[in-house]
Each structure stands twice: as C-alpha cells, then as structure tokens.
Amino acid sequence: MSKVLVIGCGGVASVAIHKCCQVSDVFTELCIASRTKSKCDALAEKLAPTTKTKITTAQVDADDVNQLIALIKSYQPDLVMNIALPYQDLTIMDACLACGVNYMDTANYEPENTDDPAWRAIYEKRCKEAGFSAYFDYSWQWAYKKKFEDAGLTALLGCGFDPGVTQAYCAYAAKHEFDTIDTIDILDCNGGDHGYAFATNFNPEINLREVSAPGSYMENGRWVEIPAMSIKREYDFDQVGKKDMYLLHHEEIES
C-alpha cells in the first residue's frame, strides 16, 4: 500500500499516472497536483472507472516552496513523484526535506534562466573542467545527498524512461547477460505519429534545447564534444522500421 503525490499533469505525467493506476495494489492512493487543476480533474475523471486506485486532485504552483509544503503536509504522501518541469526539481526537493517525504523525479535540474549568475558560474566551471558544454548537470541535486541521508529519506533521480529505464536495461545486461561490456549505444526512437510535421513528446522548450545543443560522448575515459546533429546513422528498428538517428548529449551519460 502506498500514498503518492504526483506533481505534474502534462504528457509524461499523464502516462505515468495511467501506469500507476494499472497496479492499484501498489499505488492505492494518488493525488494529482498541477498549476492547472482542471487538467488534473479531467484525468482523474477519465481514470476513475478503470482503476481501484483512489484519486484526488489539487492545485499547486511547483515554483513556490511554501505552497508545496502546505500540500505535502495536507496530503501526507509516502512519496512525491516530480513529473513537472526540471526547472522545479530543487523547490520540490526542498519541500520534501521540510516535510520528511521521499522524492523521485524523471530528469535532472535545469535552470529556467540560463543567464542566472550563480548557475552560469557553476556551468562555466564545469565546461572548463570537463571539456563539454551541454546543460545537463546533476551536481545541483547531488548536493542534496547528505541532507536526504541525514533525514533518513530517499531521493531517486532520473527515473523516467531515458534516463531511467535505459540505465536499468544496461545494468541488467551487465549483471545477467554479458561477461564484459566495452561500449553502450542507447538508441531512442519514437514510432508514433501526432499528425503534425513536428511534435514533441515532452516540454517543447527542453526538447529543442536538447537537439540544438552540442552532442557529446565518452570515449577512452574522456568527453568528446561534436557540433549538434553532426553524427547521423540509420537504424532498422524491429516493428518500427528504419529511422534516422542523431548523436545527442543526454542525461544517461551523466547519471
């Protein structure tokens, strides 16, 4: 039995909530919270006839720590699933620490304002030391490690599909299928069709930032950085068919 507060009700969050409601013996109670409560209400109404999970909804501004603390204290969940925007990771982590509740997210912290002097200083230092310039950086959240340990809490980071499931696949393969692994290529293909010339599966701003950033990969223990979209290969996926693949810098490399 568990009581989970899900923050977010966008495309990714909606899929995750659907999945939670398919295993009601694990997720016995869910509260869906977002800035736009009507979206939460509509999803809850849609799911209600199909699940035994008890679903409630709430309105919250995930940029406001005090609002988050008030909601967490009111609902008293065992876990907060942050499936909002990466910009809000730190405020939600702060609220979880204040309330003594475990935390989980799907993507590393990113600043909404990349001109913020504090973030920019850390970012530029990392670029100089590591030799690459992608925005993905877990150091802001790793800095919370001792705080969560001292509080006896768990913070599970990067637990989406990619990053998340992809790491689980790699770890399983390394443990159960192979004696040694020399290289790992993670190929991510979307076989769906929204009916538009261009449509993203998650936040458009973050998606565009990903594909326009320099690509990078680890080779012989060193970062190699390349211009965006400069390495391309075609891969024939089972059931989906041939797709053009471009090398990106993504969180799996860091997490």
C-alpha atoms as a PDB file:
ATOM      1  CA  MET A   1       0.000   0.000   0.000  1.00  0.00           C
ATOM      2  CA  SER A   2       1.237   3.475  -0.798  1.00  0.00           C
ATOM      3  CA  LYS A   3       0.061   7.043  -0.953  1.00  0.00           C
ATOM      4  CA  VAL A   4       1.725   9.059  -3.707  1.00  0.00           C
ATOM      5  CA  LEU A   5       1.587  12.731  -4.612  1.00  0.00           C
ATOM      6  CA  VAL A   6       2.234  13.283  -8.324  1.00  0.00           C
ATOM      7  CA  ILE A   7       3.241  16.810  -9.255  1.00  0.00           C
ATOM      8  CA  GLY A   8       2.580  17.440 -12.924  1.00  0.00           C
ATOM      9  CA  CYS A   9      -0.202  16.585 -15.356  1.00  0.00           C
ATOM     10  CA  GLY A  10       1.389  17.002 -18.773  1.00  0.00           C
ATOM     11  CA  GLY A  11       2.154  14.386 -21.401  1.00  0.00           C
ATOM     12  CA  VAL A  12       4.768  12.446 -19.445  1.00  0.00           C
ATOM     13  CA  ALA A  13       2.937  12.738 -16.123  1.00  0.00           C
ATOM     14  CA  SER A  14      -0.336  11.525 -17.646  1.00  0.00           C
ATOM     15  CA  VAL A  15       1.321   8.358 -18.956  1.00  0.00           C
ATOM     16  CA  ALA A  16       2.991   7.717 -15.592  1.00  0.00           C
ATOM     17  CA  ILE A  17      -0.293   8.224 -13.755  1.00  0.00           C
ATOM     18  CA  HIS A  18      -2.056   5.798 -16.113  1.00  0.00           C
ATOM     19  CA  LYS A  19       0.627   3.202 -15.361  1.00  0.00           C
ATOM     20  CA  CYS A  20       0.345   3.736 -11.604  1.00  0.00           C
ATOM     21  CA  CYS A  21      -3.396   3.213 -11.778  1.00  0.00           C
ATOM     22  CA  GLN A  22      -2.876  -0.145 -13.518  1.00  0.00           C
ATOM     23  CA  VAL A  23      -1.236  -1.514 -10.351  1.00  0.00           C
ATOM     24  CA  SER A  24      -3.663  -0.387  -7.680  1.00  0.00           C
ATOM     25  CA  ASP A  25      -2.336  -2.907  -5.175  1.00  0.00           C
ATOM     26  CA  VAL A  26       0.893  -0.879  -5.146  1.00  0.00           C
ATOM     27  CA  PHE A  27      -0.447   2.611  -5.777  1.00  0.00           C
ATOM     28  CA  THR A  28      -3.500   2.564  -3.552  1.00  0.00           C
ATOM     29  CA  GLU A  29      -3.923   6.352  -3.382  1.00  0.00           C
ATOM     30  CA  LEU A  30      -2.819   9.116  -5.758  1.00  0.00           C
ATOM     31  CA  CYS A  31      -3.127  12.871  -5.593  1.00  0.00           C
ATOM     32  CA  ILE A  32      -2.553  14.599  -8.933  1.00  0.00           C
ATOM     33  CA  ALA A  33      -1.406  18.190  -8.466  1.00  0.00           C
ATOM     34  CA  SER A  34      -0.646  20.836 -11.063  1.00  0.00           C
ATOM     35  CA  ARG A  35      -0.861  24.574 -11.612  1.00  0.00           C
ATOM     36  CA  THR A  36      -3.974  23.917 -13.725  1.00  0.00           C
ATOM     37  CA  LYS A  37      -6.304  21.850 -11.548  1.00  0.00           C
ATOM     38  CA  SER A  38      -8.860  21.357 -14.332  1.00  0.00           C
ATOM     39  CA  LYS A  39      -6.350  19.147 -16.184  1.00  0.00           C
ATOM     40  CA  CYS A  40      -5.946  17.013 -13.062  1.00  0.00           C
ATOM     41  CA  ASP A  41      -9.710  16.770 -12.634  1.00  0.00           C
ATOM     42  CA  ALA A  42     -10.205  15.684 -16.250  1.00  0.00           C
ATOM     43  CA  LEU A  43      -7.571  12.949 -15.957  1.00  0.00           C
ATOM     44  CA  ALA A  44      -8.956  11.734 -12.630  1.00  0.00           C
ATOM     45  CA  GLU A  45     -12.464  11.549 -14.106  1.00  0.00           C
ATOM     46  CA  LYS A  46     -11.165   9.572 -17.088  1.00  0.00           C
ATOM     47  CA  LEU A  47      -9.278   7.084 -14.912  1.00  0.00           C
ATOM     48  CA  ALA A  48     -11.868   6.595 -12.168  1.00  0.00           C
ATOM     49  CA  PRO A  49     -13.944   3.896 -13.955  1.00  0.00           C
ATOM     50  CA  THR A  50     -10.825   1.894 -14.860  1.00  0.00           C
ATOM     51  CA  THR A  51      -8.908   1.656 -11.585  1.00  0.00           C
ATOM     52  CA  LYS A  52      -9.240   0.807  -7.902  1.00  0.00           C
ATOM     53  CA  THR A  53      -6.702   3.497  -7.025  1.00  0.00           C
ATOM     54  CA  LYS A  54      -8.269   6.315  -5.025  1.00  0.00           C
ATOM     55  CA  ILE A  55      -7.549   9.523  -6.955  1.00  0.00           C
ATOM     56  CA  THR A  56      -7.772  13.075  -5.641  1.00  0.00           C
ATOM     57  CA  THR A  57      -6.574  16.325  -7.209  1.00  0.00           C
ATOM     58  CA  ALA A  58      -5.075  19.601  -6.056  1.00  0.00           C
ATOM     59  CA  GLN A  59      -3.781  22.903  -7.367  1.00  0.00           C
ATOM     60  CA  VAL A  60      -0.173  23.874  -6.683  1.00  0.00           C
ATOM     61  CA  ASP A  61       2.489  26.177  -8.072  1.00  0.00           C
ATOM     62  CA  ALA A  62       5.602  23.988  -8.072  1.00  0.00           C
ATOM     63  CA  ASP A  63       7.815  27.081  -8.157  1.00  0.00           C
ATOM     64  CA  ASP A  64       6.513  28.047  -4.703  1.00  0.00           C
ATOM     65  CA  VAL A  65       8.114  26.050  -1.863  1.00  0.00           C
ATOM     66  CA  ASN A  66       5.538  27.194   0.684  1.00  0.00           C
ATOM     67  CA  GLN A  67       2.639  26.010  -1.484  1.00  0.00           C
ATOM     68  CA  LEU A  68       4.367  22.675  -1.956  1.00  0.00           C
ATOM     69  CA  ILE A  69       4.983  22.263   1.772  1.00  0.00           C
ATOM     70  CA  ALA A  70       1.345  23.062   2.544  1.00  0.00           C
ATOM     71  CA  LEU A  71       0.112  20.484   0.018  1.00  0.00           C
ATOM     72  CA  ILE A  72       2.507  17.760   1.187  1.00  0.00           C
ATOM     73  CA  LYS A  73       1.596  18.321   4.835  1.00  0.00           C
ATOM     74  CA  SER A  74      -2.090  18.226   3.958  1.00  0.00           C
ATOM     75  CA  TYR A  75      -1.959  15.051   1.837  1.00  0.00           C
ATOM     76  CA  GLN A  76       0.810  13.269   3.808  1.00  0.00           C
ATOM     77  CA  PRO A  77       2.128  11.030   0.998  1.00  0.00           C
ATOM     78  CA  ASP A  78       4.766   8.320   1.290  1.00  0.00           C
ATOM     79  CA  LEU A  79       6.397   9.586  -1.900  1.00  0.00           C
ATOM     80  CA  VAL A  80       6.375  12.698  -4.068  1.00  0.00           C
ATOM     81  CA  MET A  81       6.737  11.965  -7.782  1.00  0.00           C
ATOM     82  CA  ASN A  82       8.038  15.070  -9.509  1.00  0.00           C
ATOM     83  CA  ILE A  83       6.867  14.808 -13.110  1.00  0.00           C
ATOM     84  CA  ALA A  84       6.619  18.545 -13.611  1.00  0.00           C
ATOM     85  CA  LEU A  85       9.419  20.549 -15.249  1.00  0.00           C
ATOM     86  CA  PRO A  86      13.140  20.138 -14.485  1.00  0.00           C
ATOM     87  CA  TYR A  87      13.144  23.821 -13.542  1.00  0.00           C
ATOM     88  CA  GLN A  88      11.194  22.864 -10.417  1.00  0.00           C
ATOM     89  CA  ASP A  89      13.333  19.980  -9.130  1.00  0.00           C
ATOM     90  CA  LEU A  90      15.040  21.956  -6.376  1.00  0.00           C
ATOM     91  CA  THR A  91      11.910  23.595  -4.959  1.00  0.00           C
ATOM     92  CA  ILE A  92      10.172  20.215  -4.766  1.00  0.00           C
ATOM     93  CA  MET A  93      13.228  18.615  -3.144  1.00  0.00           C
ATOM     94  CA  ASP A  94      13.303  21.444  -0.592  1.00  0.00           C
ATOM     95  CA  ALA A  95       9.627  20.850   0.192  1.00  0.00           C
ATOM     96  CA  CYS A  96      10.171  17.096   0.597  1.00  0.00           C
ATOM     97  CA  LEU A  97      13.020  17.717   3.038  1.00  0.00           C
ATOM     98  CA  ALA A  98      10.888  20.152   5.014  1.00  0.00           C
ATOM     99  CA  CYS A  99       8.085  17.580   5.266  1.00  0.00           C
ATOM    100  CA  GLY A 100      10.135  14.396   5.689  1.00  0.00           C
ATOM    101  CA  VAL A 101       8.882  12.729   2.495  1.00  0.00           C
ATOM    102  CA  ASN A 102      10.728  10.639  -0.117  1.00  0.00           C
ATOM    103  CA  TYR A 103      11.324  12.130  -3.566  1.00  0.00           C
ATOM    104  CA  MET A 104      11.524  10.871  -7.150  1.00  0.00           C
ATOM    105  CA  ASP A 105      11.955  12.660 -10.478  1.00  0.00           C
ATOM    106  CA  THR A 106      12.440  11.883 -14.156  1.00  0.00           C
ATOM    107  CA  ALA A 107      15.034  14.448 -15.264  1.00  0.00           C
ATOM    108  CA  ASN A 108      17.891  16.453 -13.804  1.00  0.00           C
ATOM    109  CA  TYR A 109      17.557  20.054 -12.688  1.00  0.00           C
ATOM    110  CA  GLU A 110      17.828  22.725 -15.352  1.00  0.00           C
ATOM    111  CA  PRO A 111      17.593  26.467 -14.740  1.00  0.00           C
ATOM    112  CA  GLU A 112      14.756  28.278 -16.449  1.00  0.00           C
ATOM    113  CA  ASN A 113      17.037  31.309 -16.709  1.00  0.00           C
ATOM    114  CA  THR A 114      20.407  30.203 -18.089  1.00  0.00           C
ATOM    115  CA  ASP A 115      21.736  33.735 -17.564  1.00  0.00           C
ATOM    116  CA  ASP A 116      21.391  33.430 -13.782  1.00  0.00           C
ATOM    117  CA  PRO A 117      24.871  34.367 -12.433  1.00  0.00           C
ATOM    118  CA  ALA A 118      25.003  31.601  -9.798  1.00  0.00           C
ATOM    119  CA  TRP A 119      24.087  28.885 -12.274  1.00  0.00           C
ATOM    120  CA  ARG A 120      26.252  30.369 -15.017  1.00  0.00           C
ATOM    121  CA  ALA A 121      29.369  30.347 -12.792  1.00  0.00           C
ATOM    122  CA  ILE A 122      28.969  26.643 -11.959  1.00  0.00           C
ATOM    123  CA  TYR A 123      28.133  25.796 -15.560  1.00  0.00           C
ATOM    124  CA  GLU A 124      31.176  27.576 -16.987  1.00  0.00           C
ATOM    125  CA  LYS A 125      33.450  25.974 -14.387  1.00  0.00           C
ATOM    126  CA  ARG A 126      32.181  22.531 -15.376  1.00  0.00           C
ATOM    127  CA  CYS A 127      32.613  23.277 -19.080  1.00  0.00           C
ATOM    128  CA  LYS A 128      36.245  24.191 -18.468  1.00  0.00           C
ATOM    129  CA  GLU A 129      36.976  21.165 -16.286  1.00  0.00           C
ATOM    130  CA  ALA A 130      35.008  18.516 -18.171  1.00  0.00           C
ATOM    131  CA  GLY A 131      35.532  19.772 -21.697  1.00  0.00           C
ATOM    132  CA  PHE A 132      31.930  19.827 -22.867  1.00  0.00           C
ATOM    133  CA  SER A 133      29.131  22.373 -22.795  1.00  0.00           C
ATOM    134  CA  ALA A 134      25.773  20.555 -22.508  1.00  0.00           C
ATOM    135  CA  TYR A 135      23.347  21.936 -19.932  1.00  0.00           C
ATOM    136  CA  PHE A 136      22.590  18.600 -18.265  1.00  0.00           C
ATOM    137  CA  ASP A 137      24.179  18.661 -14.820  1.00  0.00           C
ATOM    138  CA  TYR A 138      23.263  16.613 -11.755  1.00  0.00           C
ATOM    139  CA  SER A 139      25.622  18.467  -9.397  1.00  0.00           C
ATOM    140  CA  TRP A 140      22.850  20.743  -8.120  1.00  0.00           C
ATOM    141  CA  GLN A 141      20.801  17.743  -6.997  1.00  0.00           C
ATOM    142  CA  TRP A 142      23.750  15.627  -5.853  1.00  0.00           C
ATOM    143  CA  ALA A 143      24.462  18.457  -3.407  1.00  0.00           C
ATOM    144  CA  TYR A 144      21.277  17.350  -1.583  1.00  0.00           C
ATOM    145  CA  LYS A 145      22.619  13.833  -0.947  1.00  0.00           C
ATOM    146  CA  LYS A 146      23.746  14.377   2.647  1.00  0.00           C
ATOM    147  CA  LYS A 147      20.594  16.329   3.523  1.00  0.00           C
ATOM    148  CA  PHE A 148      18.399  13.421   2.433  1.00  0.00           C
ATOM    149  CA  GLU A 149      20.645  10.843   4.120  1.00  0.00           C
ATOM    150  CA  ASP A 150      20.629  12.791   7.394  1.00  0.00           C
ATOM    151  CA  ALA A 151      16.838  12.992   7.212  1.00  0.00           C
ATOM    152  CA  GLY A 152      16.554   9.242   6.552  1.00  0.00           C
ATOM    153  CA  LEU A 153      14.916   9.908   3.195  1.00  0.00           C
ATOM    154  CA  THR A 154      15.403   8.616  -0.342  1.00  0.00           C
ATOM    155  CA  ALA A 155      15.728  10.832  -3.420  1.00  0.00           C
ATOM    156  CA  LEU A 156      15.645   8.794  -6.629  1.00  0.00           C
ATOM    157  CA  LEU A 157      16.846  10.931  -9.537  1.00  0.00           C
ATOM    158  CA  GLY A 158      16.459  10.464 -13.278  1.00  0.00           C
ATOM    159  CA  CYS A 159      13.839   7.732 -13.022  1.00  0.00           C
ATOM    160  CA  GLY A 160      11.942   8.297 -16.250  1.00  0.00           C
ATOM    161  CA  PHE A 161      12.372   6.222 -19.381  1.00  0.00           C
ATOM    162  CA  ASP A 162      15.521   7.909 -20.591  1.00  0.00           C
ATOM    163  CA  PRO A 163      17.188   8.460 -18.269  1.00  0.00           C
ATOM    164  CA  GLY A 164      15.780   5.743 -16.019  1.00  0.00           C
ATOM    165  CA  VAL A 165      14.627   2.575 -17.747  1.00  0.00           C
ATOM    166  CA  THR A 166      17.610   2.779 -20.101  1.00  0.00           C
ATOM    167  CA  GLN A 167      20.021   2.533 -17.155  1.00  0.00           C
ATOM    168  CA  ALA A 168      18.060  -0.385 -15.727  1.00  0.00           C
ATOM    169  CA  TYR A 169      18.357  -2.194 -19.069  1.00  0.00           C
ATOM    170  CA  CYS A 170      22.121  -1.578 -19.160  1.00  0.00           C
ATOM    171  CA  ALA A 171      22.599  -2.668 -15.547  1.00  0.00           C
ATOM    172  CA  TYR A 172      20.534  -5.827 -16.105  1.00  0.00           C
ATOM    173  CA  ALA A 173      22.511  -6.683 -19.244  1.00  0.00           C
ATOM    174  CA  ALA A 174      25.825  -6.148 -17.454  1.00  0.00           C
ATOM    175  CA  LYS A 175      24.747  -8.288 -14.495  1.00  0.00           C
ATOM    176  CA  HIS A 176      22.917 -11.134 -16.226  1.00  0.00           C
ATOM    177  CA  GLU A 177      23.796 -11.277 -19.941  1.00  0.00           C
ATOM    178  CA  PHE A 178      27.435 -10.299 -20.530  1.00  0.00           C
ATOM    179  CA  ASP A 179      30.833 -11.057 -19.023  1.00  0.00           C
ATOM    180  CA  THR A 180      32.218  -7.703 -20.158  1.00  0.00           C
ATOM    181  CA  ILE A 181      30.795  -4.662 -21.950  1.00  0.00           C
ATOM    182  CA  ASP A 182      33.099  -2.376 -23.939  1.00  0.00           C
ATOM    183  CA  THR A 183      30.611   0.106 -25.394  1.00  0.00           C
ATOM    184  CA  ILE A 184      26.959   1.010 -24.957  1.00  0.00           C
ATOM    185  CA  ASP A 185      24.848   2.849 -27.537  1.00  0.00           C
ATOM    186  CA  ILE A 186      21.398   3.994 -26.403  1.00  0.00           C
ATOM    187  CA  LEU A 187      19.070   4.427 -29.385  1.00  0.00           C
ATOM    188  CA  ASP A 188      15.797   6.224 -28.735  1.00  0.00           C
ATOM    189  CA  CYS A 189      13.125   6.003 -31.415  1.00  0.00           C
ATOM    190  CA  ASN A 190       9.554   7.271 -31.446  1.00  0.00           C
ATOM    191  CA  GLY A 191       7.323   5.238 -33.714  1.00  0.00           C
ATOM    192  CA  GLY A 192       4.210   7.309 -33.035  1.00  0.00           C
ATOM    193  CA  ASP A 193       2.589   9.996 -35.165  1.00  0.00           C
ATOM    194  CA  HIS A 194       0.751  13.041 -33.819  1.00  0.00           C
ATOM    195  CA  GLY A 195      -0.361  14.010 -37.307  1.00  0.00           C
ATOM    196  CA  TYR A 196       1.831  17.113 -37.308  1.00  0.00           C
ATOM    197  CA  ALA A 197       5.036  17.904 -39.183  1.00  0.00           C
ATOM    198  CA  PHE A 198       6.756  18.410 -35.828  1.00  0.00           C
ATOM    199  CA  ALA A 199       5.523  17.477 -32.364  1.00  0.00           C
ATOM    200  CA  THR A 200       7.401  16.761 -29.153  1.00  0.00           C
ATOM    201  CA  ASN A 201       6.722  14.058 -26.577  1.00  0.00           C
ATOM    202  CA  PHE A 202       7.521  16.380 -23.671  1.00  0.00           C
ATOM    203  CA  ASN A 203       8.188  20.050 -22.915  1.00  0.00           C
ATOM    204  CA  PRO A 204       8.954  21.666 -26.314  1.00  0.00           C
ATOM    205  CA  GLU A 205      11.480  24.169 -24.937  1.00  0.00           C
ATOM    206  CA  ILE A 206      13.558  21.461 -23.265  1.00  0.00           C
ATOM    207  CA  ASN A 207      13.248  19.164 -26.283  1.00  0.00           C
ATOM    208  CA  LEU A 208      14.523  21.891 -28.619  1.00  0.00           C
ATOM    209  CA  ARG A 209      17.338  22.697 -26.203  1.00  0.00           C
ATOM    210  CA  GLU A 210      18.399  19.038 -26.321  1.00  0.00           C
ATOM    211  CA  VAL A 211      18.529  18.708 -30.090  1.00  0.00           C
ATOM    212  CA  SER A 212      20.247  22.069 -30.645  1.00  0.00           C
ATOM    213  CA  ALA A 213      22.974  21.537 -28.022  1.00  0.00           C
ATOM    214  CA  PRO A 214      26.401  20.129 -28.950  1.00  0.00           C
ATOM    215  CA  GLY A 215      26.476  16.346 -28.900  1.00  0.00           C
ATOM    216  CA  SER A 216      28.939  14.534 -26.655  1.00  0.00           C
ATOM    217  CA  TYR A 217      30.007  11.044 -25.721  1.00  0.00           C
ATOM    218  CA  MET A 218      32.555   9.306 -23.522  1.00  0.00           C
ATOM    219  CA  GLU A 219      35.488   7.630 -25.273  1.00  0.00           C
ATOM    220  CA  ASN A 220      38.618   6.245 -23.600  1.00  0.00           C
ATOM    221  CA  GLY A 221      37.697   7.982 -20.361  1.00  0.00           C
ATOM    222  CA  ARG A 222      37.380  11.434 -21.929  1.00  0.00           C
ATOM    223  CA  TRP A 223      34.496  13.589 -23.118  1.00  0.00           C
ATOM    224  CA  VAL A 224      34.308  14.155 -26.858  1.00  0.00           C
ATOM    225  CA  GLU A 225      32.101  17.054 -27.988  1.00  0.00           C
ATOM    226  CA  ILE A 226      30.759  17.467 -31.515  1.00  0.00           C
ATOM    227  CA  PRO A 227      28.521  20.044 -33.259  1.00  0.00           C
ATOM    228  CA  ALA A 228      24.791  19.453 -32.864  1.00  0.00           C
ATOM    229  CA  MET A 229      23.276  16.884 -35.248  1.00  0.00           C
ATOM    230  CA  SER A 230      26.669  16.232 -36.881  1.00  0.00           C
ATOM    231  CA  ILE A 231      26.757  12.441 -36.428  1.00  0.00           C
ATOM    232  CA  LYS A 232      23.920  10.560 -38.105  1.00  0.00           C
ATOM    233  CA  ARG A 233      23.222   6.908 -38.681  1.00  0.00           C
ATOM    234  CA  GLU A 234      20.265   4.901 -39.963  1.00  0.00           C
ATOM    235  CA  TYR A 235      18.993   2.071 -37.804  1.00  0.00           C
ATOM    236  CA  ASP A 236      16.357  -0.526 -38.624  1.00  0.00           C
ATOM    237  CA  PHE A 237      14.149  -0.944 -35.536  1.00  0.00           C
ATOM    238  CA  ASP A 238      12.043  -4.045 -35.053  1.00  0.00           C
ATOM    239  CA  GLN A 239       8.347  -3.199 -35.702  1.00  0.00           C
ATOM    240  CA  VAL A 240       9.103   0.499 -36.255  1.00  0.00           C
ATOM    241  CA  GLY A 241      11.383   0.308 -39.293  1.00  0.00           C
ATOM    242  CA  LYS A 242      14.310   2.406 -40.470  1.00  0.00           C
ATOM    243  CA  LYS A 243      14.845   5.711 -38.688  1.00  0.00           C
ATOM    244  CA  ASP A 244      17.496   8.421 -38.885  1.00  0.00           C
ATOM    245  CA  MET A 245      19.387   8.680 -35.588  1.00  0.00           C
ATOM    246  CA  TYR A 246      21.479  11.642 -34.423  1.00  0.00           C
ATOM    247  CA  LEU A 247      24.028  11.649 -31.617  1.00  0.00           C
ATOM    248  CA  LEU A 248      22.918  13.876 -28.712  1.00  0.00           C
ATOM    249  CA  HIS A 249      24.249  14.622 -25.280  1.00  0.00           C
ATOM    250  CA  HIS A 250      21.739  13.131 -22.856  1.00  0.00           C
ATOM    251  CA  GLU A 251      21.441  12.507 -19.150  1.00  0.00           C
ATOM    252  CA  GLU A 252      22.280   8.803 -19.265  1.00  0.00           C
ATOM    253  CA  ILE A 253      25.908   9.761 -19.799  1.00  0.00           C
ATOM    254  CA  GLU A 254      25.993  11.671 -16.529  1.00  0.00           C
ATOM    255  CA  SER A 255      23.528   9.863 -14.308  1.00  0.00           C
END
